[in-house]
């Protein structure tokens, strides 16, 4: 068995456990560079929980890489960015989750790459952005930005008007996480729009505080309003 397959199998076994969070330290038996390829593969796993847990593990792994070599961490983030461009053949599923998690965990990564992540939702010609036309991939970006905003809201506040515009997205997941981000960044100007979204009963299954959660767009909008005070 190849080293990649062996590490992937062992990492997956950890991430699939009920007490997976207690076992995360076990990932440190491998150098960060060895862990990255298996984690990138696990973002496409058949098990929904493993897919999300791999994002958490990636964030911790990226932070370890920063401590060892910031240049290697930059190569890692550039690899993520490559997955997001058209030349990759639309291989970006889950990559914004990884990017957002890495930026939430590592201040150094966040300081260098937050503008890239926000640029994926810039949707007008006035901004020099990298707007993603693919709605299903864009929804991953909204989760990543909400995750970053949990820890470093100041790094995404410049995207406020695009989060507000996204409250009208067709995709419920995107609407919900745009609303959540507006609450996290203290976007008082969005109160009216958030209030109008509170009646939105569209269901959303997402990953918050390292747990899978079933909720609605309206509930997340209401929580965003509550966080605004």
C-alpha atoms as a PDB file:
ATOM      1  CA  UNK A   1       0.000   0.000   0.000  1.00  0.00           C
ATOM      2  CA  UNK A   2       1.311   3.456  -0.910  1.00  0.00           C
ATOM      3  CA  UNK A   3       2.143   5.915   1.833  1.00  0.00           C
ATOM      4  CA  UNK A   4      -0.613   8.249   0.639  1.00  0.00           C
ATOM      5  CA  UNK A   5      -3.267   5.531   0.848  1.00  0.00           C
ATOM      6  CA  UNK A   6      -2.060   4.381   4.239  1.00  0.00           C
ATOM      7  CA  UNK A   7      -2.067   7.881   5.733  1.00  0.00           C
ATOM      8  CA  UNK A   8      -5.434   8.663   4.154  1.00  0.00           C
ATOM      9  CA  UNK A   9      -6.941   5.495   5.602  1.00  0.00           C
ATOM     10  CA  UNK A  10      -5.604   6.245   9.093  1.00  0.00           C
ATOM     11  CA  UNK A  11      -6.632   9.912   8.974  1.00  0.00           C
ATOM     12  CA  UNK A  12     -10.092   8.983   7.765  1.00  0.00           C
ATOM     13  CA  UNK A  13     -10.489   6.486  10.568  1.00  0.00           C
ATOM     14  CA  UNK A  14      -9.798   9.281  13.073  1.00  0.00           C
ATOM     15  CA  UNK A  15     -12.127  11.791  11.424  1.00  0.00           C
ATOM     16  CA  UNK A  16     -14.954   9.262  11.252  1.00  0.00           C
ATOM     17  CA  UNK A  17     -14.943   8.565  15.003  1.00  0.00           C
ATOM     18  CA  UNK A  18     -17.610   9.932  17.332  1.00  0.00           C
ATOM     19  CA  UNK A  19     -14.831  11.312  19.550  1.00  0.00           C
ATOM     20  CA  UNK A  20     -12.863  12.622  16.575  1.00  0.00           C
ATOM     21  CA  UNK A  21     -12.127  15.956  18.231  1.00  0.00           C
ATOM     22  CA  UNK A  22     -10.384  14.218  21.107  1.00  0.00           C
ATOM     23  CA  UNK A  23      -8.272  12.354  18.569  1.00  0.00           C
ATOM     24  CA  UNK A  24      -7.175  15.333  16.492  1.00  0.00           C
ATOM     25  CA  UNK A  25      -3.833  15.508  18.272  1.00  0.00           C
ATOM     26  CA  UNK A  26      -3.126  12.104  16.794  1.00  0.00           C
ATOM     27  CA  UNK A  27      -2.734  13.754  13.402  1.00  0.00           C
ATOM     28  CA  UNK A  28       0.435  15.395  14.637  1.00  0.00           C
ATOM     29  CA  UNK A  29       2.251  12.075  14.266  1.00  0.00           C
ATOM     30  CA  UNK A  30       2.618  13.017  10.601  1.00  0.00           C
ATOM     31  CA  UNK A  31       4.430  16.091   9.246  1.00  0.00           C
ATOM     32  CA  UNK A  32       2.008  18.709   7.957  1.00  0.00           C
ATOM     33  CA  UNK A  33       3.188  18.236   4.382  1.00  0.00           C
ATOM     34  CA  UNK A  34       2.374  14.527   4.520  1.00  0.00           C
ATOM     35  CA  UNK A  35      -1.146  15.222   5.794  1.00  0.00           C
ATOM     36  CA  UNK A  36      -2.162  17.743   3.152  1.00  0.00           C
ATOM     37  CA  UNK A  37      -2.757  15.405   0.163  1.00  0.00           C
ATOM     38  CA  UNK A  38      -4.938  12.948   2.138  1.00  0.00           C
ATOM     39  CA  UNK A  39      -6.950  15.794   3.627  1.00  0.00           C
ATOM     40  CA  UNK A  40      -7.501  17.337   0.209  1.00  0.00           C
ATOM     41  CA  UNK A  41      -8.777  13.980  -0.959  1.00  0.00           C
ATOM     42  CA  UNK A  42     -11.062  13.543   2.058  1.00  0.00           C
ATOM     43  CA  UNK A  43     -12.901  16.774   1.268  1.00  0.00           C
ATOM     44  CA  UNK A  44     -14.693  14.644  -1.354  1.00  0.00           C
ATOM     45  CA  UNK A  45     -15.363  11.685   0.936  1.00  0.00           C
ATOM     46  CA  UNK A  46     -18.688   9.842   0.734  1.00  0.00           C
ATOM     47  CA  UNK A  47     -19.332  10.610   4.412  1.00  0.00           C
ATOM     48  CA  UNK A  48     -20.615  14.150   5.002  1.00  0.00           C
ATOM     49  CA  UNK A  49     -19.159  14.327   8.506  1.00  0.00           C
ATOM     50  CA  UNK A  50     -15.711  13.239   7.323  1.00  0.00           C
ATOM     51  CA  UNK A  51     -15.790  15.907   4.623  1.00  0.00           C
ATOM     52  CA  UNK A  52     -16.416  18.626   7.188  1.00  0.00           C
ATOM     53  CA  UNK A  53     -14.016  17.202   9.758  1.00  0.00           C
ATOM     54  CA  UNK A  54     -11.301  17.216   7.110  1.00  0.00           C
ATOM     55  CA  UNK A  55     -11.738  21.001   6.837  1.00  0.00           C
ATOM     56  CA  UNK A  56     -11.156  21.361  10.579  1.00  0.00           C
ATOM     57  CA  UNK A  57      -8.095  19.139  10.353  1.00  0.00           C
ATOM     58  CA  UNK A  58      -6.788  21.088   7.375  1.00  0.00           C
ATOM     59  CA  UNK A  59      -6.961  24.360   9.300  1.00  0.00           C
ATOM     60  CA  UNK A  60      -4.912  22.910  12.127  1.00  0.00           C
ATOM     61  CA  UNK A  61      -2.467  21.376   9.665  1.00  0.00           C
ATOM     62  CA  UNK A  62      -2.030  24.640   7.777  1.00  0.00           C
ATOM     63  CA  UNK A  63      -1.277  26.420  11.057  1.00  0.00           C
ATOM     64  CA  UNK A  64       1.378  23.807  11.842  1.00  0.00           C
ATOM     65  CA  UNK A  65       2.875  24.376   8.418  1.00  0.00           C
ATOM     66  CA  UNK A  66       3.094  28.123   9.083  1.00  0.00           C
ATOM     67  CA  UNK A  67       5.164  27.450  12.189  1.00  0.00           C
ATOM     68  CA  UNK A  68       7.536  25.242  10.217  1.00  0.00           C
ATOM     69  CA  UNK A  69       7.769  27.328   7.038  1.00  0.00           C
ATOM     70  CA  UNK A  70       5.637  30.266   5.962  1.00  0.00           C
ATOM     71  CA  UNK A  71       6.814  29.764   2.405  1.00  0.00           C
ATOM     72  CA  UNK A  72       5.453  26.208   2.385  1.00  0.00           C
ATOM     73  CA  UNK A  73       2.192  27.557   3.776  1.00  0.00           C
ATOM     74  CA  UNK A  74       2.071  30.036   0.895  1.00  0.00           C
ATOM     75  CA  UNK A  75       2.567  27.207  -1.586  1.00  0.00           C
ATOM     76  CA  UNK A  76      -0.311  25.396   0.110  1.00  0.00           C
ATOM     77  CA  UNK A  77      -2.641  28.377  -0.217  1.00  0.00           C
ATOM     78  CA  UNK A  78      -1.621  28.934  -3.817  1.00  0.00           C
ATOM     79  CA  UNK A  79      -2.493  25.304  -4.451  1.00  0.00           C
ATOM     80  CA  UNK A  80      -5.941  25.963  -3.016  1.00  0.00           C
ATOM     81  CA  UNK A  81      -6.282  28.989  -5.255  1.00  0.00           C
ATOM     82  CA  UNK A  82      -5.364  26.869  -8.283  1.00  0.00           C
ATOM     83  CA  UNK A  83      -8.171  24.456  -7.429  1.00  0.00           C
ATOM     84  CA  UNK A  84     -10.531  27.419  -7.587  1.00  0.00           C
ATOM     85  CA  UNK A  85      -9.655  28.606 -11.090  1.00  0.00           C
ATOM     86  CA  UNK A  86     -11.127  27.398 -14.365  1.00  0.00           C
ATOM     87  CA  UNK A  87      -7.891  25.724 -15.428  1.00  0.00           C
ATOM     88  CA  UNK A  88      -8.320  23.180 -12.628  1.00  0.00           C
ATOM     89  CA  UNK A  89     -11.416  21.800 -14.324  1.00  0.00           C
ATOM     90  CA  UNK A  90     -13.768  22.867 -11.509  1.00  0.00           C
ATOM     91  CA  UNK A  91     -12.045  20.780  -8.853  1.00  0.00           C
ATOM     92  CA  UNK A  92     -12.731  23.368  -6.164  1.00  0.00           C
ATOM     93  CA  UNK A  93     -15.439  21.537  -4.204  1.00  0.00           C
ATOM     94  CA  UNK A  94     -14.803  22.104  -0.522  1.00  0.00           C
ATOM     95  CA  UNK A  95     -11.636  24.126  -1.073  1.00  0.00           C
ATOM     96  CA  UNK A  96     -13.187  27.390   0.265  1.00  0.00           C
ATOM     97  CA  UNK A  97     -14.027  25.489   3.456  1.00  0.00           C
ATOM     98  CA  UNK A  98     -10.349  24.617   3.783  1.00  0.00           C
ATOM     99  CA  UNK A  99      -9.232  28.164   3.004  1.00  0.00           C
ATOM    100  CA  UNK A 100     -11.647  29.737   5.470  1.00  0.00           C
ATOM    101  CA  UNK A 101     -10.696  27.301   8.200  1.00  0.00           C
ATOM    102  CA  UNK A 102      -6.985  27.871   7.645  1.00  0.00           C
ATOM    103  CA  UNK A 103      -7.497  31.629   7.896  1.00  0.00           C
ATOM    104  CA  UNK A 104      -9.621  31.284  11.019  1.00  0.00           C
ATOM    105  CA  UNK A 105      -6.878  29.280  12.725  1.00  0.00           C
ATOM    106  CA  UNK A 106      -3.809  31.124  11.414  1.00  0.00           C
ATOM    107  CA  UNK A 107      -3.572  34.906  11.606  1.00  0.00           C
ATOM    108  CA  UNK A 108      -0.566  34.913   9.268  1.00  0.00           C
ATOM    109  CA  UNK A 109      -2.423  33.013   6.559  1.00  0.00           C
ATOM    110  CA  UNK A 110      -5.473  35.218   7.032  1.00  0.00           C
ATOM    111  CA  UNK A 111      -3.486  38.433   6.721  1.00  0.00           C
ATOM    112  CA  UNK A 112      -2.083  37.389   3.342  1.00  0.00           C
ATOM    113  CA  UNK A 113      -5.031  35.611   1.740  1.00  0.00           C
ATOM    114  CA  UNK A 114      -8.312  36.998   3.090  1.00  0.00           C
ATOM    115  CA  UNK A 115      -8.756  39.353   0.140  1.00  0.00           C
ATOM    116  CA  UNK A 116      -8.557  36.429  -2.258  1.00  0.00           C
ATOM    117  CA  UNK A 117     -11.352  34.549  -0.504  1.00  0.00           C
ATOM    118  CA  UNK A 118     -13.606  37.608  -0.376  1.00  0.00           C
ATOM    119  CA  UNK A 119     -12.921  38.359  -4.036  1.00  0.00           C
ATOM    120  CA  UNK A 120     -14.752  35.195  -5.083  1.00  0.00           C
ATOM    121  CA  UNK A 121     -18.078  36.916  -4.292  1.00  0.00           C
ATOM    122  CA  UNK A 122     -17.278  40.313  -5.833  1.00  0.00           C
ATOM    123  CA  UNK A 123     -20.049  40.579  -8.419  1.00  0.00           C
ATOM    124  CA  UNK A 124     -19.701  43.907 -10.197  1.00  0.00           C
ATOM    125  CA  UNK A 125     -17.218  45.543 -12.510  1.00  0.00           C
ATOM    126  CA  UNK A 126     -16.341  48.216  -9.945  1.00  0.00           C
ATOM    127  CA  UNK A 127     -14.312  45.624  -8.032  1.00  0.00           C
ATOM    128  CA  UNK A 128     -11.322  43.705  -9.265  1.00  0.00           C
ATOM    129  CA  UNK A 129     -12.637  40.335  -8.157  1.00  0.00           C
ATOM    130  CA  UNK A 130     -12.642  36.671  -9.085  1.00  0.00           C
ATOM    131  CA  UNK A 131     -16.392  36.183  -9.027  1.00  0.00           C
ATOM    132  CA  UNK A 132     -17.437  32.541  -9.216  1.00  0.00           C
ATOM    133  CA  UNK A 133     -20.249  31.976 -11.676  1.00  0.00           C
ATOM    134  CA  UNK A 134     -20.836  28.458 -10.375  1.00  0.00           C
ATOM    135  CA  UNK A 135     -23.461  28.839  -7.625  1.00  0.00           C
ATOM    136  CA  UNK A 136     -22.688  25.530  -5.908  1.00  0.00           C
ATOM    137  CA  UNK A 137     -19.016  26.426  -5.592  1.00  0.00           C
ATOM    138  CA  UNK A 138     -19.856  29.962  -4.499  1.00  0.00           C
ATOM    139  CA  UNK A 139     -21.886  28.569  -1.601  1.00  0.00           C
ATOM    140  CA  UNK A 140     -18.677  26.994  -0.246  1.00  0.00           C
ATOM    141  CA  UNK A 141     -17.110  30.460  -0.292  1.00  0.00           C
ATOM    142  CA  UNK A 142     -19.924  31.893   1.814  1.00  0.00           C
ATOM    143  CA  UNK A 143     -19.298  29.244   4.449  1.00  0.00           C
ATOM    144  CA  UNK A 144     -15.557  29.941   4.374  1.00  0.00           C
ATOM    145  CA  UNK A 145     -16.104  33.666   4.790  1.00  0.00           C
ATOM    146  CA  UNK A 146     -18.537  33.147   7.656  1.00  0.00           C
ATOM    147  CA  UNK A 147     -15.967  30.919   9.351  1.00  0.00           C
ATOM    148  CA  UNK A 148     -13.284  33.572   8.913  1.00  0.00           C
ATOM    149  CA  UNK A 149     -15.666  36.254  10.205  1.00  0.00           C
ATOM    150  CA  UNK A 150     -16.204  34.261  13.409  1.00  0.00           C
ATOM    151  CA  UNK A 151     -12.590  34.902  14.354  1.00  0.00           C
ATOM    152  CA  UNK A 152     -11.411  37.874  12.263  1.00  0.00           C
ATOM    153  CA  UNK A 153     -14.469  39.909  11.219  1.00  0.00           C
ATOM    154  CA  UNK A 154     -12.388  42.905  10.260  1.00  0.00           C
ATOM    155  CA  UNK A 155     -10.847  40.961   7.395  1.00  0.00           C
ATOM    156  CA  UNK A 156     -14.147  40.448   5.579  1.00  0.00           C
ATOM    157  CA  UNK A 157     -15.993  43.654   6.422  1.00  0.00           C
ATOM    158  CA  UNK A 158     -14.996  45.196   3.087  1.00  0.00           C
ATOM    159  CA  UNK A 159     -17.281  42.673   1.396  1.00  0.00           C
ATOM    160  CA  UNK A 160     -20.379  43.890   3.268  1.00  0.00           C
ATOM    161  CA  UNK A 161     -22.342  45.064   0.236  1.00  0.00           C
ATOM    162  CA  UNK A 162     -21.768  41.753  -1.503  1.00  0.00           C
ATOM    163  CA  UNK A 163     -22.990  39.821   1.519  1.00  0.00           C
ATOM    164  CA  UNK A 164     -26.088  42.006   1.516  1.00  0.00           C
ATOM    165  CA  UNK A 165     -26.605  41.358  -2.196  1.00  0.00           C
ATOM    166  CA  UNK A 166     -26.217  37.640  -1.541  1.00  0.00           C
ATOM    167  CA  UNK A 167     -29.291  37.647   0.685  1.00  0.00           C
ATOM    168  CA  UNK A 168     -31.126  37.371  -2.646  1.00  0.00           C
ATOM    169  CA  UNK A 169     -29.172  34.337  -3.864  1.00  0.00           C
ATOM    170  CA  UNK A 170     -31.282  31.445  -5.145  1.00  0.00           C
ATOM    171  CA  UNK A 171     -29.263  29.055  -3.006  1.00  0.00           C
ATOM    172  CA  UNK A 172     -30.527  28.837   0.597  1.00  0.00           C
ATOM    173  CA  UNK A 173     -27.110  27.861   1.971  1.00  0.00           C
ATOM    174  CA  UNK A 174     -25.553  30.976   0.460  1.00  0.00           C
ATOM    175  CA  UNK A 175     -28.331  33.235   1.772  1.00  0.00           C
ATOM    176  CA  UNK A 176     -27.973  31.785   5.254  1.00  0.00           C
ATOM    177  CA  UNK A 177     -24.205  32.211   5.474  1.00  0.00           C
ATOM    178  CA  UNK A 178     -24.276  35.664   3.940  1.00  0.00           C
ATOM    179  CA  UNK A 179     -26.749  36.598   6.677  1.00  0.00           C
ATOM    180  CA  UNK A 180     -24.570  35.027   9.339  1.00  0.00           C
ATOM    181  CA  UNK A 181     -21.534  36.927   8.123  1.00  0.00           C
ATOM    182  CA  UNK A 182     -23.410  40.228   8.186  1.00  0.00           C
ATOM    183  CA  UNK A 183     -24.213  39.614  11.828  1.00  0.00           C
ATOM    184  CA  UNK A 184     -20.638  38.669  12.646  1.00  0.00           C
ATOM    185  CA  UNK A 185     -19.195  41.803  11.048  1.00  0.00           C
ATOM    186  CA  UNK A 186     -21.733  44.079  12.746  1.00  0.00           C
ATOM    187  CA  UNK A 187     -23.384  45.280   9.535  1.00  0.00           C
ATOM    188  CA  UNK A 188     -26.026  47.613  11.000  1.00  0.00           C
ATOM    189  CA  UNK A 189     -27.010  48.819   7.533  1.00  0.00           C
ATOM    190  CA  UNK A 190     -28.231  45.325   6.717  1.00  0.00           C
ATOM    191  CA  UNK A 191     -30.816  45.193   9.514  1.00  0.00           C
ATOM    192  CA  UNK A 192     -33.767  45.750   7.203  1.00  0.00           C
ATOM    193  CA  UNK A 193     -32.636  43.110   4.728  1.00  0.00           C
ATOM    194  CA  UNK A 194     -31.964  40.614   7.510  1.00  0.00           C
ATOM    195  CA  UNK A 195     -35.335  41.285   9.056  1.00  0.00           C
ATOM    196  CA  UNK A 196     -36.981  40.530   5.730  1.00  0.00           C
ATOM    197  CA  UNK A 197     -35.149  37.212   5.608  1.00  0.00           C
ATOM    198  CA  UNK A 198     -36.370  35.987   8.984  1.00  0.00           C
ATOM    199  CA  UNK A 199     -39.487  34.467   7.402  1.00  0.00           C
ATOM    200  CA  UNK A 200     -37.398  32.395   4.998  1.00  0.00           C
ATOM    201  CA  UNK A 201     -38.168  28.786   5.945  1.00  0.00           C
ATOM    202  CA  UNK A 202     -35.765  27.158   3.489  1.00  0.00           C
ATOM    203  CA  UNK A 203     -33.861  24.379   5.217  1.00  0.00           C
ATOM    204  CA  UNK A 204     -30.082  24.492   5.612  1.00  0.00           C
ATOM    205  CA  UNK A 205     -27.724  21.746   6.721  1.00  0.00           C
ATOM    206  CA  UNK A 206     -24.392  23.188   7.708  1.00  0.00           C
ATOM    207  CA  UNK A 207     -21.340  22.857   9.952  1.00  0.00           C
ATOM    208  CA  UNK A 208     -21.073  25.168  12.946  1.00  0.00           C
ATOM    209  CA  UNK A 209     -18.793  24.883  15.964  1.00  0.00           C
ATOM    210  CA  UNK A 210     -17.491  21.588  14.579  1.00  0.00           C
ATOM    211  CA  UNK A 211     -20.944  20.027  14.459  1.00  0.00           C
ATOM    212  CA  UNK A 212     -23.428  19.308  11.684  1.00  0.00           C
ATOM    213  CA  UNK A 213     -26.526  21.428  12.217  1.00  0.00           C
ATOM    214  CA  UNK A 214     -29.963  21.419  10.598  1.00  0.00           C
ATOM    215  CA  UNK A 215     -31.538  24.859  10.613  1.00  0.00           C
ATOM    216  CA  UNK A 216     -33.263  27.358   8.315  1.00  0.00           C
ATOM    217  CA  UNK A 217     -32.306  30.543   6.530  1.00  0.00           C
ATOM    218  CA  UNK A 218     -34.739  32.455   8.726  1.00  0.00           C
ATOM    219  CA  UNK A 219     -33.201  31.131  11.923  1.00  0.00           C
ATOM    220  CA  UNK A 220     -29.721  32.136  10.811  1.00  0.00           C
ATOM    221  CA  UNK A 221     -30.965  35.580   9.791  1.00  0.00           C
ATOM    222  CA  UNK A 222     -32.632  35.991  13.191  1.00  0.00           C
ATOM    223  CA  UNK A 223     -29.400  35.005  14.926  1.00  0.00           C
ATOM    224  CA  UNK A 224     -27.524  37.548  12.815  1.00  0.00           C
ATOM    225  CA  UNK A 225     -29.974  40.270  13.883  1.00  0.00           C
ATOM    226  CA  UNK A 226     -29.585  39.244  17.515  1.00  0.00           C
ATOM    227  CA  UNK A 227     -25.819  39.522  17.254  1.00  0.00           C
ATOM    228  CA  UNK A 228     -26.241  43.080  15.978  1.00  0.00           C
ATOM    229  CA  UNK A 229     -27.946  43.908  19.271  1.00  0.00           C
END
